[in-house]
Protein backbone atom coordinates (compact mmCIF):
# COMPACT_ATOMS: atom_id res chain seq x y z
CA MET A 1 38.12 44.45 -96.82
CA THR A 2 41.02 43.31 -94.67
CA ARG A 3 39.21 44.34 -91.50
CA LYS A 4 36.09 42.51 -92.58
CA ARG A 5 37.95 39.30 -93.33
CA LYS A 6 39.75 39.56 -90.01
CA GLY A 7 36.45 40.03 -88.21
CA ASP A 8 34.93 37.10 -90.04
CA LYS A 9 37.86 34.94 -89.02
CA GLU A 10 37.78 35.98 -85.36
CA SER A 11 34.00 35.78 -84.94
CA PRO A 12 33.81 31.95 -84.84
CA CYS A 13 36.67 31.94 -82.31
CA LEU A 14 34.82 34.42 -80.11
CA ASP A 15 31.62 32.40 -80.45
CA ARG A 16 33.43 29.22 -79.43
CA GLY A 17 34.99 31.02 -76.47
CA ALA A 18 31.60 32.33 -75.33
CA THR A 19 30.04 28.88 -75.71
CA LEU A 20 32.86 27.27 -73.73
CA SER A 21 32.56 29.94 -71.04
CA ARG A 22 28.82 29.30 -70.66
CA TRP A 23 29.42 25.57 -70.46
CA CYS A 24 32.02 26.03 -67.71
CA VAL A 25 29.72 28.32 -65.70
CA SER A 26 26.88 25.81 -65.96
CA HIS A 27 29.23 23.17 -64.51
CA ARG A 28 30.64 25.34 -61.72
CA LYS A 29 30.44 22.44 -59.25
CA LYS A 30 33.36 21.02 -61.23
CA ALA A 31 35.29 24.29 -60.98
CA ARG A 32 38.41 22.66 -59.58
CA GLN A 33 38.70 20.12 -62.40
CA ILE A 34 37.91 22.77 -65.03
CA VAL A 35 40.55 25.19 -63.75
CA GLU A 36 43.12 22.41 -63.43
CA THR A 37 42.46 21.56 -67.10
CA TRP A 38 42.68 25.25 -68.00
CA GLU A 39 46.07 25.51 -66.26
CA ARG A 40 47.40 22.40 -67.99
CA LEU A 41 46.34 23.65 -71.44
CA PHE A 42 47.66 27.14 -70.70
CA ASN A 43 51.09 25.80 -69.78
CA SER A 44 51.26 23.63 -72.90
CA ALA A 45 50.03 26.38 -75.27
CA GLN A 46 52.24 28.49 -77.52
CA ARG A 47 53.20 31.87 -76.09
CA GLU A 48 50.95 33.82 -78.46
CA GLN A 49 47.96 31.62 -77.57
CA ARG A 50 48.12 32.18 -73.83
CA VAL A 51 46.35 35.55 -73.92
CA SER A 52 43.26 33.75 -75.28
CA PHE A 53 43.29 31.56 -72.17
CA LEU A 54 43.36 34.68 -69.98
CA TYR A 55 40.34 36.06 -71.86
CA LEU A 56 38.53 32.76 -71.35
CA ALA A 57 39.31 32.89 -67.63
CA ASN A 58 37.95 36.44 -67.53
CA ASP A 59 34.70 35.40 -69.24
CA ILE A 60 34.22 32.55 -66.78
CA LEU A 61 34.99 34.76 -63.78
CA GLN A 62 32.68 37.58 -64.87
CA ASN A 63 29.78 35.27 -65.71
CA SER A 64 30.06 33.00 -62.68
CA ARG A 65 30.91 35.19 -59.70
CA ARG A 66 27.32 36.26 -59.01
CA LYS A 67 26.27 32.62 -58.94
CA GLY A 68 29.04 31.47 -56.61
CA SER A 69 32.71 31.86 -55.75
CA GLU A 70 33.84 28.45 -56.99
CA PHE A 71 35.74 29.77 -60.02
CA VAL A 72 37.00 32.85 -58.17
CA ASN A 73 38.65 30.63 -55.56
CA GLU A 74 40.08 28.17 -58.08
CA PHE A 75 41.40 30.73 -60.57
CA TRP A 76 43.03 32.65 -57.74
CA LYS A 77 45.34 29.68 -57.25
CA VAL A 78 46.63 29.66 -60.85
CA LEU A 79 46.24 33.15 -62.31
CA PRO A 80 49.19 34.79 -60.48
CA SER A 81 51.63 32.40 -62.14
CA ALA A 82 49.84 32.57 -65.51
CA LEU A 83 49.81 36.37 -65.55
CA LYS A 84 53.45 36.49 -64.57
CA GLN A 85 54.32 34.23 -67.52
CA VAL A 86 52.36 36.32 -70.02
CA TYR A 87 53.66 39.62 -68.66
CA GLY A 88 57.24 38.49 -68.24
CA ASN A 89 57.66 36.42 -71.41
CA GLY A 90 55.06 37.81 -73.79
CA ASP A 91 55.12 40.61 -76.35
CA GLU A 92 53.73 44.12 -75.82
CA ASN A 93 50.20 43.05 -76.79
CA GLY A 94 50.33 40.26 -74.23
CA LYS A 95 51.56 42.63 -71.52
CA LYS A 96 48.83 45.15 -72.31
CA ALA A 97 46.15 42.45 -72.27
CA ALA A 98 47.34 41.04 -68.94
CA THR A 99 47.54 44.50 -67.37
CA ARG A 100 44.08 45.42 -68.66
CA LEU A 101 42.52 42.25 -67.27
CA VAL A 102 44.12 42.75 -63.86
CA ASP A 103 42.86 46.36 -63.81
CA ILE A 104 39.34 45.16 -64.66
CA TRP A 105 39.41 42.53 -61.91
CA GLU A 106 40.67 45.08 -59.39
CA GLU A 107 38.12 47.70 -60.46
CA ARG A 108 35.22 45.25 -60.26
CA LYS A 109 36.63 43.60 -57.12
CA VAL A 110 36.40 40.16 -58.69
CA PHE A 111 38.92 38.91 -56.13
CA GLY A 112 37.85 41.29 -53.38
CA SER A 113 40.68 43.09 -51.62
CA ARG A 114 43.24 40.69 -53.12
CA GLY A 115 43.27 42.41 -56.52
CA GLN A 116 46.31 44.57 -55.76
CA ASN A 117 48.22 41.47 -54.67
CA LEU A 118 47.55 39.99 -58.11
CA LYS A 119 49.02 43.05 -59.84
CA ASP A 120 52.06 43.09 -57.54
CA GLU A 121 52.66 39.41 -58.22
CA MET A 122 52.42 39.93 -61.99
CA LEU A 123 54.84 42.87 -61.89
CA GLY A 124 57.23 41.00 -59.62
CA LYS A 125 56.88 43.52 -56.80
CA ASN A 126 56.33 40.92 -54.11
CA ALA A 127 59.54 39.90 -52.40
CA PRO A 128 59.73 36.25 -51.37
CA LEU A 129 57.62 36.00 -48.25
CA LEU A 130 59.93 33.74 -46.30
CA VAL A 131 60.93 33.61 -42.67
CA SER A 132 64.11 31.62 -42.28
CA ASN A 133 64.60 29.46 -39.23
CA GLY A 134 67.89 28.03 -40.40
CA LYS A 135 66.37 24.75 -41.57
CA GLY A 136 63.53 25.68 -43.84
CA SER A 137 61.14 28.44 -44.81
CA ASN A 138 57.69 29.66 -43.90
CA PRO A 139 55.25 31.08 -46.48
CA ILE A 140 53.92 33.47 -43.81
CA LYS A 141 55.59 36.77 -42.97
CA VAL A 142 54.54 38.82 -39.94
CA VAL A 143 54.15 42.46 -41.02
CA LYS A 144 52.82 44.03 -37.83
CA ARG A 145 51.99 42.73 -34.39
CA ASP A 146 50.63 44.56 -31.35
CA ALA A 147 48.41 43.83 -28.36
CA HIS A 148 45.22 44.08 -30.40
CA SER A 149 45.99 42.93 -33.93
CA LEU A 150 48.26 40.87 -36.14
CA ARG A 151 48.99 41.58 -39.81
CA VAL A 152 50.66 38.99 -41.97
CA LYS A 153 51.56 38.46 -45.63
CA VAL A 154 51.21 35.05 -47.18
CA ALA A 155 52.84 33.73 -50.34
CA VAL A 156 50.38 33.47 -53.24
CA GLY A 157 49.57 29.85 -54.03
CA GLY A 158 50.89 28.51 -50.72
CA MET A 159 48.82 26.42 -48.34
CA PRO A 160 48.21 29.28 -45.83
CA GLU A 161 46.92 31.51 -48.63
CA LYS A 162 44.62 28.76 -49.92
CA ILE A 163 43.17 28.23 -46.44
CA LEU A 164 42.71 31.96 -45.79
CA THR A 165 41.06 32.43 -49.19
CA ALA A 166 38.67 29.53 -48.61
CA PHE A 167 37.89 30.70 -45.07
CA GLN A 168 37.17 34.23 -46.34
CA SER A 169 34.80 32.78 -48.92
CA VAL A 170 32.93 30.83 -46.23
CA HIS A 171 32.79 33.95 -44.05
CA ASP A 172 31.44 36.08 -46.91
CA LYS A 173 28.72 33.55 -47.69
CA ASN A 174 27.67 33.00 -44.08
CA VAL A 175 25.14 35.86 -44.04
CA ASN A 176 23.61 34.77 -47.36
CA GLU A 177 23.54 31.19 -46.12
CA GLU A 178 21.54 32.10 -43.01
CA ALA A 179 19.15 34.27 -45.03
CA ALA A 180 18.69 31.47 -47.59
CA LEU A 181 17.87 28.97 -44.84
CA LYS A 182 15.23 31.32 -43.39
CA LYS A 183 13.72 31.93 -46.83
CA CYS A 184 13.72 28.21 -47.50
CA GLU A 185 11.90 27.48 -44.24
CA GLY A 186 9.37 30.21 -45.00
CA ALA A 187 8.77 28.86 -48.50
CA PHE A 188 8.29 25.31 -47.21
CA CYS A 189 5.75 26.55 -44.65
CA ARG A 190 3.88 28.50 -47.31
CA VAL A 191 3.86 25.52 -49.68
CA GLY A 192 2.39 23.40 -46.87
CA GLU A 193 -0.36 25.96 -46.34
CA MET A 194 -1.11 26.08 -50.06
CA GLU A 195 -1.38 22.29 -50.22
CA LYS A 196 -4.09 22.44 -47.57
CA GLU A 197 -5.85 25.23 -49.49
CA VAL A 198 -5.77 23.14 -52.68
CA GLU A 199 -7.19 20.13 -50.81
CA ASN A 200 -10.00 22.25 -49.38
CA VAL A 201 -11.10 23.71 -52.71
CA SER A 202 -10.69 20.35 -54.46
CA THR A 203 -13.08 18.63 -52.05
CA GLN A 204 -15.62 21.27 -53.02
CA GLY A 205 -15.08 20.61 -56.72
CA ILE A 206 -13.49 24.02 -57.27
CA LEU A 207 -10.32 24.59 -59.28
CA PRO A 208 -7.50 26.53 -57.57
CA GLY A 209 -7.60 30.25 -58.36
CA ALA A 210 -5.01 32.10 -60.44
CA SER A 211 -3.66 33.90 -57.36
CA LEU A 212 -2.94 30.58 -55.66
CA LEU A 213 -1.14 29.26 -58.73
CA ASP A 214 0.91 32.46 -58.96
CA ASP A 215 1.82 32.10 -55.30
CA MET A 216 2.97 28.53 -55.92
CA ASP A 217 5.17 29.67 -58.81
CA GLU A 218 6.65 32.39 -56.63
CA GLN A 219 7.48 29.97 -53.81
CA GLU A 220 9.02 27.57 -56.33
CA ASN A 221 11.30 30.36 -57.58
CA VAL A 222 12.26 31.21 -54.00
CA LEU A 223 13.19 27.59 -53.35
CA HIS A 224 15.30 27.44 -56.53
CA GLN A 225 17.19 30.57 -55.48
CA CYS A 226 17.73 29.22 -51.97
CA VAL A 227 19.02 25.91 -53.29
CA SER A 228 21.47 27.73 -55.58
CA GLN A 229 22.77 29.86 -52.67
CA LEU A 230 23.08 26.86 -50.38
CA GLU A 231 24.91 24.86 -53.06
CA SER A 232 27.38 27.72 -53.40
CA ALA A 233 27.86 27.82 -49.62
CA GLU A 234 28.30 24.04 -49.61
CA ALA A 235 31.02 24.30 -52.27
CA ALA A 236 32.82 27.01 -50.28
CA ARG A 237 32.79 24.94 -47.10
CA GLY A 238 33.86 21.86 -49.04
CA SER A 239 36.82 23.77 -50.47
CA LEU A 240 37.86 24.95 -47.00
CA ILE A 241 37.59 21.45 -45.55
CA SER A 242 39.61 20.03 -48.45
CA HIS A 243 42.45 22.51 -47.86
CA LEU A 244 42.36 21.91 -44.10
CA LYS A 245 42.58 18.16 -44.64
CA GLU A 246 45.49 18.65 -47.03
CA ALA A 247 47.28 20.84 -44.49
CA LEU A 248 46.55 18.30 -41.75
CA LEU A 249 48.12 15.50 -43.80
CA VAL A 250 51.23 17.60 -44.37
CA GLN A 251 51.57 18.39 -40.67
CA GLU A 252 50.93 14.77 -39.65
CA SER A 253 53.65 13.65 -42.07
CA LYS A 254 56.09 16.17 -40.61
CA LEU A 255 55.14 15.10 -37.09
CA GLU A 256 55.85 11.46 -37.89
CA LEU A 257 59.19 12.47 -39.38
CA ILE A 258 60.15 14.35 -36.22
CA ARG A 259 59.05 11.47 -34.01
CA SER A 260 61.08 9.01 -36.06
CA GLN A 261 64.15 11.21 -35.64
CA LEU A 262 63.64 11.37 -31.88
CA GLN A 263 63.49 7.59 -31.48
């Protein structure tokens, strides 16, 4: 009886979580604002409530990543810190939940090759990635350099990491973007041909055949898929441009400061 009552109590919570997750995925163009709200509510929540926020993030990530990388990119900025809080300050159940989620994300490559970095950050294995120049610090650390390659580590959540993540997302989507454009062009051409076919049969007083209508439905579906892929690519490029502009403003501000000191 106790188990049944517990299940009855949790079921509405799970239903609300699933409903909220679906709503977020359907509004993935607002991923940045949604994740910023998630982070704010997570930070203000009681310690025992924070695991529920991690589960919500997982639902959103799992349900949205095949439709676009908007939430993957945005959650990558906030999850390292959130996981570290739950793992470092939570109870055993919280630690187990956080570890399990990170293992799932790594296994399913939700964050690509960055999954291990997420686990290291949560466990506190990452040393501060700083290169001291005597006056400040750099969030980039050179790991290996030779005549043919350069390997670096970047601090999670820093501007270089945000730019690299956004650039990787654009790079990953580039092939799909080109394929979507070609499909879109092909669909438009076919729709134009079908319009002429419809005009020809209409002038003869004949209704369009079932095969022609099926073809029109097929081309419409192709166009919908192409639009979805191109919107995802647009969001990825917009995210990269936003981070580059932010970095540019920071560097321009520093440049003005240096110039003012030299005068």
